Amino acid sequence: MLEAYRQHAEERAQLGIPPLPLNAQQTSELCELLKNPPEEEKEFLMTLLRDRIPPGVDEAAYVKA
Protein backbone atom coordinates (compact mmCIF):
# COMPACT_ATOMS: atom_id res chain seq x y z
CA MET A 1 0.00 0.00 0.00
CA LEU A 2 2.76 2.43 0.93
CA GLU A 3 4.77 1.79 -2.23
CA ALA A 4 1.70 2.18 -4.44
CA TYR A 5 0.76 5.42 -2.66
CA ARG A 6 4.26 6.84 -3.01
CA GLN A 7 4.27 6.03 -6.72
CA HIS A 8 0.85 7.67 -7.13
CA ALA A 9 2.00 10.76 -5.23
CA GLU A 10 5.16 11.01 -7.35
CA GLU A 11 3.20 10.75 -10.61
CA ARG A 12 0.82 13.48 -9.50
CA ALA A 13 3.69 15.67 -8.24
CA GLN A 14 5.25 15.52 -11.71
CA LEU A 15 1.97 16.89 -13.05
CA GLY A 16 2.00 19.64 -10.42
CA ILE A 17 -1.10 18.38 -8.58
CA PRO A 18 -1.52 16.89 -5.10
CA PRO A 19 -2.18 13.18 -4.62
CA LEU A 20 -5.76 11.99 -4.36
CA PRO A 21 -7.12 11.33 -0.86
CA LEU A 22 -7.01 7.76 0.39
CA ASN A 23 -9.98 5.58 -0.49
CA ALA A 24 -11.70 3.18 1.93
CA GLN A 25 -9.47 0.21 0.96
CA GLN A 26 -6.28 2.22 1.39
CA THR A 27 -7.53 3.59 4.71
CA SER A 28 -8.27 0.07 5.93
CA GLU A 29 -4.75 -1.04 4.98
CA LEU A 30 -3.33 2.05 6.67
CA CYS A 31 -5.20 1.24 9.88
CA GLU A 32 -3.78 -2.30 9.81
CA LEU A 33 -0.26 -0.92 9.36
CA LEU A 34 -0.76 1.44 12.30
CA LYS A 35 -1.47 -1.50 14.61
CA ASN A 36 2.18 -2.55 14.32
CA PRO A 37 3.99 0.15 12.33
CA PRO A 38 7.51 -0.26 10.98
CA GLU A 39 9.73 2.09 12.98
CA GLU A 40 10.95 4.00 9.93
CA GLU A 41 7.40 4.54 8.62
CA LYS A 42 5.63 5.76 11.81
CA GLU A 43 5.73 9.46 10.96
CA PHE A 44 4.66 8.91 7.36
CA LEU A 45 1.76 6.69 8.44
CA MET A 46 0.53 9.30 10.90
CA THR A 47 0.80 11.98 8.20
CA LEU A 48 -1.37 9.87 5.90
CA LEU A 49 -3.91 9.30 8.67
CA ARG A 50 -4.05 12.97 9.59
CA ASP A 51 -3.84 14.63 6.17
CA ARG A 52 -4.84 12.25 3.38
CA ILE A 53 -8.26 10.96 4.49
CA PRO A 54 -11.19 13.13 3.43
CA PRO A 55 -13.42 14.44 6.23
CA GLY A 56 -17.16 14.05 6.42
CA VAL A 57 -19.31 11.24 5.15
CA ASP A 58 -16.80 9.67 2.78
CA GLU A 59 -16.31 5.87 3.06
CA ALA A 60 -12.65 6.38 3.98
CA ALA A 61 -13.66 8.72 6.83
CA TYR A 62 -16.01 6.00 8.11
CA VAL A 63 -13.15 3.47 8.11
CA LYS A 64 -10.90 5.95 9.93
CA ALA A 65 -13.54 6.55 12.59
PDB file of N, CA and C in Angstrom:
ATOM      1  N   MET A   1       0.833  -1.194   0.000  1.00  0.00           N
ATOM      2  CA  MET A   1       0.000   0.000   0.000  1.00  0.00           C
ATOM      3  C   MET A   1       0.872   1.249   0.000  1.00  0.00           C
ATOM      4  N   LEU A   2       1.909   1.248   0.836  1.00  0.00           N
ATOM      5  CA  LEU A   2       2.765   2.428   0.926  1.00  0.00           C
ATOM      6  C   LEU A   2       3.511   2.687  -0.378  1.00  0.00           C
ATOM      7  N   GLU A   3       4.029   1.629  -0.985  1.00  0.00           N
ATOM      8  CA  GLU A   3       4.773   1.793  -2.229  1.00  0.00           C
ATOM      9  C   GLU A   3       3.851   2.298  -3.344  1.00  0.00           C
ATOM     10  N   ALA A   4       2.661   1.744  -3.424  1.00  0.00           N
ATOM     11  CA  ALA A   4       1.703   2.181  -4.440  1.00  0.00           C
ATOM     12  C   ALA A   4       1.315   3.640  -4.212  1.00  0.00           C
ATOM     13  N   TYR A   5       1.128   4.033  -2.949  1.00  0.00           N
ATOM     14  CA  TYR A   5       0.759   5.415  -2.656  1.00  0.00           C
ATOM     15  C   TYR A   5       1.899   6.367  -3.018  1.00  0.00           C
ATOM     16  N   ARG A   6       3.124   5.980  -2.678  1.00  0.00           N
ATOM     17  CA  ARG A   6       4.261   6.843  -3.008  1.00  0.00           C
ATOM     18  C   ARG A   6       4.411   7.011  -4.517  1.00  0.00           C
ATOM     19  N   GLN A   7       4.195   5.953  -5.263  1.00  0.00           N
ATOM     20  CA  GLN A   7       4.273   6.033  -6.718  1.00  0.00           C
ATOM     21  C   GLN A   7       3.178   6.959  -7.255  1.00  0.00           C
ATOM     22  N   HIS A   8       1.972   6.803  -6.731  1.00  0.00           N
ATOM     23  CA  HIS A   8       0.853   7.669  -7.131  1.00  0.00           C
ATOM     24  C   HIS A   8       1.177   9.130  -6.818  1.00  0.00           C
ATOM     25  N   ALA A   9       1.680   9.389  -5.631  1.00  0.00           N
ATOM     26  CA  ALA A   9       2.001  10.763  -5.226  1.00  0.00           C
ATOM     27  C   ALA A   9       3.093  11.344  -6.119  1.00  0.00           C
ATOM     28  N   GLU A  10       4.081  10.545  -6.487  1.00  0.00           N
ATOM     29  CA  GLU A  10       5.157  11.015  -7.352  1.00  0.00           C
ATOM     30  C   GLU A  10       4.637  11.339  -8.752  1.00  0.00           C
ATOM     31  N   GLU A  11       3.779  10.490  -9.284  1.00  0.00           N
ATOM     32  CA  GLU A  11       3.205  10.745 -10.608  1.00  0.00           C
ATOM     33  C   GLU A  11       2.408  12.044 -10.614  1.00  0.00           C
ATOM     34  N   ARG A  12       1.629  12.261  -9.574  1.00  0.00           N
ATOM     35  CA  ARG A  12       0.821  13.485  -9.505  1.00  0.00           C
ATOM     36  C   ARG A  12       1.700  14.706  -9.261  1.00  0.00           C
ATOM     37  N   ALA A  13       2.778  14.550  -8.489  1.00  0.00           N
ATOM     38  CA  ALA A  13       3.692  15.668  -8.240  1.00  0.00           C
ATOM     39  C   ALA A  13       4.347  16.113  -9.548  1.00  0.00           C
ATOM     40  N   GLN A  14       4.654  15.164 -10.421  1.00  0.00           N
ATOM     41  CA  GLN A  14       5.247  15.518 -11.711  1.00  0.00           C
ATOM     42  C   GLN A  14       4.271  16.321 -12.571  1.00  0.00           C
ATOM     43  N   LEU A  15       2.992  16.126 -12.333  1.00  0.00           N
ATOM     44  CA  LEU A  15       1.972  16.894 -13.050  1.00  0.00           C
ATOM     45  C   LEU A  15       1.646  18.215 -12.348  1.00  0.00           C
ATOM     46  N   GLY A  16       2.224  18.410 -11.171  1.00  0.00           N
ATOM     47  CA  GLY A  16       1.999  19.638 -10.420  1.00  0.00           C
ATOM     48  C   GLY A  16       0.693  19.653  -9.649  1.00  0.00           C
ATOM     49  N   ILE A  17       0.158  18.469  -9.332  1.00  0.00           N
ATOM     50  CA  ILE A  17      -1.097  18.379  -8.579  1.00  0.00           C
ATOM     51  C   ILE A  17      -0.911  17.474  -7.363  1.00  0.00           C
ATOM     52  N   PRO A  18      -1.669  17.717  -6.305  1.00  0.00           N
ATOM     53  CA  PRO A  18      -1.523  16.893  -5.096  1.00  0.00           C
ATOM     54  C   PRO A  18      -2.097  15.490  -5.315  1.00  0.00           C
ATOM     55  N   PRO A  19      -1.635  14.536  -4.509  1.00  0.00           N
ATOM     56  CA  PRO A  19      -2.184  13.177  -4.618  1.00  0.00           C
ATOM     57  C   PRO A  19      -3.651  13.146  -4.205  1.00  0.00           C
ATOM     58  N   LEU A  20      -4.367  12.171  -4.735  1.00  0.00           N
ATOM     59  CA  LEU A  20      -5.760  11.992  -4.356  1.00  0.00           C
ATOM     60  C   LEU A  20      -5.843  11.545  -2.900  1.00  0.00           C
ATOM     61  N   PRO A  21      -6.942  11.830  -2.224  1.00  0.00           N
ATOM     62  CA  PRO A  21      -7.122  11.328  -0.856  1.00  0.00           C
ATOM     63  C   PRO A  21      -7.191   9.804  -0.872  1.00  0.00           C
ATOM     64  N   LEU A  22      -6.930   9.214   0.277  1.00  0.00           N
ATOM     65  CA  LEU A  22      -7.009   7.760   0.388  1.00  0.00           C
ATOM     66  C   LEU A  22      -8.457   7.302   0.236  1.00  0.00           C
ATOM     67  N   ASN A  23      -8.644   6.157  -0.392  1.00  0.00           N
ATOM     68  CA  ASN A  23      -9.981   5.585  -0.491  1.00  0.00           C
ATOM     69  C   ASN A  23     -10.208   4.651   0.701  1.00  0.00           C
ATOM     70  N   ALA A  24     -11.356   4.033   0.777  1.00  0.00           N
ATOM     71  CA  ALA A  24     -11.695   3.181   1.927  1.00  0.00           C
ATOM     72  C   ALA A  24     -10.737   1.996   2.052  1.00  0.00           C
ATOM     73  N   GLN A  25     -10.384   1.361   0.924  1.00  0.00           N
ATOM     74  CA  GLN A  25      -9.473   0.214   0.962  1.00  0.00           C
ATOM     75  C   GLN A  25      -8.098   0.635   1.464  1.00  0.00           C
ATOM     76  N   GLN A  26      -7.578   1.726   0.948  1.00  0.00           N
ATOM     77  CA  GLN A  26      -6.280   2.221   1.389  1.00  0.00           C
ATOM     78  C   GLN A  26      -6.312   2.597   2.861  1.00  0.00           C
ATOM     79  N   THR A  27      -7.395   3.198   3.312  1.00  0.00           N
ATOM     80  CA  THR A  27      -7.530   3.589   4.714  1.00  0.00           C
ATOM     81  C   THR A  27      -7.556   2.356   5.608  1.00  0.00           C
ATOM     82  N   SER A  28      -8.234   1.320   5.171  1.00  0.00           N
ATOM     83  CA  SER A  28      -8.269   0.067   5.926  1.00  0.00           C
ATOM     84  C   SER A  28      -6.867  -0.522   6.051  1.00  0.00           C
ATOM     85  N   GLU A  29      -6.125  -0.534   4.956  1.00  0.00           N
ATOM     86  CA  GLU A  29      -4.751  -1.043   4.979  1.00  0.00           C
ATOM     87  C   GLU A  29      -3.869  -0.172   5.871  1.00  0.00           C
ATOM     88  N   LEU A  30      -4.079   1.134   5.825  1.00  0.00           N
ATOM     89  CA  LEU A  30      -3.328   2.051   6.673  1.00  0.00           C
ATOM     90  C   LEU A  30      -3.594   1.754   8.150  1.00  0.00           C
ATOM     91  N   CYS A  31      -4.852   1.540   8.497  1.00  0.00           N
ATOM     92  CA  CYS A  31      -5.200   1.239   9.885  1.00  0.00           C
ATOM     93  C   CYS A  31      -4.534  -0.053  10.350  1.00  0.00           C
ATOM     94  N   GLU A  32      -4.460  -1.046   9.470  1.00  0.00           N
ATOM     95  CA  GLU A  32      -3.775  -2.295   9.810  1.00  0.00           C
ATOM     96  C   GLU A  32      -2.282  -2.052  10.036  1.00  0.00           C
ATOM     97  N   LEU A  33      -1.676  -1.233   9.188  1.00  0.00           N
ATOM     98  CA  LEU A  33      -0.260  -0.915   9.356  1.00  0.00           C
ATOM     99  C   LEU A  33      -0.009  -0.173  10.660  1.00  0.00           C
ATOM    100  N   LEU A  34      -0.937   0.663  11.065  1.00  0.00           N
ATOM    101  CA  LEU A  34      -0.763   1.443  12.299  1.00  0.00           C
ATOM    102  C   LEU A  34      -0.841   0.581  13.556  1.00  0.00           C
ATOM    103  N   LYS A  35      -1.400  -0.602  13.447  1.00  0.00           N
ATOM    104  CA  LYS A  35      -1.468  -1.496  14.610  1.00  0.00           C
ATOM    105  C   LYS A  35      -0.082  -1.975  15.021  1.00  0.00           C
ATOM    106  N   ASN A  36       0.805  -2.124  14.056  1.00  0.00           N
ATOM    107  CA  ASN A  36       2.176  -2.548  14.324  1.00  0.00           C
ATOM    108  C   ASN A  36       3.074  -1.899  13.268  1.00  0.00           C
ATOM    109  N   PRO A  37       3.291  -0.578  13.390  1.00  0.00           N
ATOM    110  CA  PRO A  37       3.992   0.149  12.325  1.00  0.00           C
ATOM    111  C   PRO A  37       5.492  -0.138  12.290  1.00  0.00           C
ATOM    112  N   PRO A  38       6.051  -0.203  11.090  1.00  0.00           N
ATOM    113  CA  PRO A  38       7.508  -0.259  10.980  1.00  0.00           C
ATOM    114  C   PRO A  38       8.092   1.030  11.551  1.00  0.00           C
ATOM    115  N   GLU A  39       9.141   0.934  12.288  1.00  0.00           N
ATOM    116  CA  GLU A  39       9.728   2.086  12.983  1.00  0.00           C
ATOM    117  C   GLU A  39      10.024   3.242  12.035  1.00  0.00           C
ATOM    118  N   GLU A  40      10.564   2.941  10.856  1.00  0.00           N
ATOM    119  CA  GLU A  40      10.951   4.001   9.930  1.00  0.00           C
ATOM    120  C   GLU A  40       9.755   4.634   9.214  1.00  0.00           C
ATOM    121  N   GLU A  41       8.584   4.035   9.312  1.00  0.00           N
ATOM    122  CA  GLU A  41       7.397   4.543   8.624  1.00  0.00           C
ATOM    123  C   GLU A  41       6.386   5.231   9.557  1.00  0.00           C
ATOM    124  N   LYS A  42       6.621   5.243  10.858  1.00  0.00           N
ATOM    125  CA  LYS A  42       5.629   5.756  11.809  1.00  0.00           C
ATOM    126  C   LYS A  42       5.162   7.169  11.472  1.00  0.00           C
ATOM    127  N   GLU A  43       6.086   8.062  11.234  1.00  0.00           N
ATOM    128  CA  GLU A  43       5.734   9.463  10.961  1.00  0.00           C
ATOM    129  C   GLU A  43       4.942   9.584   9.667  1.00  0.00           C
ATOM    130  N   PHE A  44       5.356   8.868   8.635  1.00  0.00           N
ATOM    131  CA  PHE A  44       4.657   8.914   7.355  1.00  0.00           C
ATOM    132  C   PHE A  44       3.243   8.357   7.492  1.00  0.00           C
ATOM    133  N   LEU A  45       3.084   7.274   8.233  1.00  0.00           N
ATOM    134  CA  LEU A  45       1.757   6.685   8.444  1.00  0.00           C
ATOM    135  C   LEU A  45       0.832   7.658   9.168  1.00  0.00           C
ATOM    136  N   MET A  46       1.352   8.328  10.168  1.00  0.00           N
ATOM    137  CA  MET A  46       0.532   9.298  10.897  1.00  0.00           C
ATOM    138  C   MET A  46       0.168  10.488  10.005  1.00  0.00           C
ATOM    139  N   THR A  47       1.085  10.894   9.140  1.00  0.00           N
ATOM    140  CA  THR A  47       0.796  11.981   8.203  1.00  0.00           C
ATOM    141  C   THR A  47      -0.338  11.573   7.262  1.00  0.00           C
ATOM    142  N   LEU A  48      -0.297  10.347   6.764  1.00  0.00           N
ATOM    143  CA  LEU A  48      -1.372   9.871   5.898  1.00  0.00           C
ATOM    144  C   LEU A  48      -2.698   9.862   6.651  1.00  0.00           C
ATOM    145  N   LEU A  49      -2.685   9.370   7.873  1.00  0.00           N
ATOM    146  CA  LEU A  49      -3.906   9.297   8.670  1.00  0.00           C
ATOM    147  C   LEU A  49      -4.479  10.690   8.928  1.00  0.00           C
ATOM    148  N   ARG A  50      -3.614  11.625   9.242  1.00  0.00           N
ATOM    149  CA  ARG A  50      -4.046  12.970   9.595  1.00  0.00           C
ATOM    150  C   ARG A  50      -4.443  13.805   8.370  1.00  0.00           C
ATOM    151  N   ASP A  51      -3.692  13.680   7.274  1.00  0.00           N
ATOM    152  CA  ASP A  51      -3.841  14.629   6.170  1.00  0.00           C
ATOM    153  C   ASP A  51      -4.428  14.075   4.873  1.00  0.00           C
ATOM    154  N   ARG A  52      -4.470  12.781   4.685  1.00  0.00           N
ATOM    155  CA  ARG A  52      -4.843  12.252   3.377  1.00  0.00           C
ATOM    156  C   ARG A  52      -6.161  11.487   3.367  1.00  0.00           C
ATOM    157  N   ILE A  53      -6.942  11.577   4.443  1.00  0.00           N
ATOM    158  CA  ILE A  53      -8.262  10.957   4.487  1.00  0.00           C
ATOM    159  C   ILE A  53      -9.292  12.080   4.476  1.00  0.00           C
ATOM    160  N   PRO A  54     -10.221  12.038   3.521  1.00  0.00           N
ATOM    161  CA  PRO A  54     -11.194  13.134   3.430  1.00  0.00           C
ATOM    162  C   PRO A  54     -12.135  13.155   4.633  1.00  0.00           C
ATOM    163  N   PRO A  55     -12.493  14.335   5.101  1.00  0.00           N
ATOM    164  CA  PRO A  55     -13.415  14.438   6.231  1.00  0.00           C
ATOM    165  C   PRO A  55     -14.858  14.225   5.783  1.00  0.00           C
ATOM    166  N   GLY A  56     -15.726  14.083   6.732  1.00  0.00           N
ATOM    167  CA  GLY A  56     -17.158  14.048   6.422  1.00  0.00           C
ATOM    168  C   GLY A  56     -17.721  12.653   6.290  1.00  0.00           C
ATOM    169  N   VAL A  57     -18.558  12.481   5.287  1.00  0.00           N
ATOM    170  CA  VAL A  57     -19.311  11.238   5.146  1.00  0.00           C
ATOM    171  C   VAL A  57     -18.712  10.318   4.081  1.00  0.00           C
ATOM    172  N   ASP A  58     -17.493  10.514   3.728  1.00  0.00           N
ATOM    173  CA  ASP A  58     -16.798   9.666   2.777  1.00  0.00           C
ATOM    174  C   ASP A  58     -16.574   8.273   3.394  1.00  0.00           C
ATOM    175  N   GLU A  59     -16.532   7.230   2.560  1.00  0.00           N
ATOM    176  CA  GLU A  59     -16.311   5.867   3.065  1.00  0.00           C
ATOM    177  C   GLU A  59     -14.985   5.747   3.809  1.00  0.00           C
ATOM    178  N   ALA A  60     -13.953   6.433   3.314  1.00  0.00           N
ATOM    179  CA  ALA A  60     -12.650   6.384   3.976  1.00  0.00           C
ATOM    180  C   ALA A  60     -12.720   7.014   5.368  1.00  0.00           C
ATOM    181  N   ALA A  61     -13.494   8.079   5.530  1.00  0.00           N
ATOM    182  CA  ALA A  61     -13.655   8.717   6.832  1.00  0.00           C
ATOM    183  C   ALA A  61     -14.366   7.767   7.796  1.00  0.00           C
ATOM    184  N   TYR A  62     -15.307   6.989   7.286  1.00  0.00           N
ATOM    185  CA  TYR A  62     -16.008   5.999   8.106  1.00  0.00           C
ATOM    186  C   TYR A  62     -15.031   4.938   8.600  1.00  0.00           C
ATOM    187  N   VAL A  63     -14.152   4.466   7.723  1.00  0.00           N
ATOM    188  CA  VAL A  63     -13.149   3.465   8.106  1.00  0.00           C
ATOM    189  C   VAL A  63     -12.214   4.042   9.159  1.00  0.00           C
ATOM    190  N   LYS A  64     -11.798   5.287   8.979  1.00  0.00           N
ATOM    191  CA  LYS A  64     -10.904   5.947   9.929  1.00  0.00           C
ATOM    192  C   LYS A  64     -11.555   6.054  11.307  1.00  0.00           C
ATOM    193  N   ALA A  65     -12.826   6.403  11.321  1.00  0.00           N
ATOM    194  CA  ALA A  65     -13.543   6.552  12.591  1.00  0.00           C
ATOM    195  C   ALA A  65     -13.646   5.222  13.297  1.00  0.00           C
TER     196      ALA A  65
END
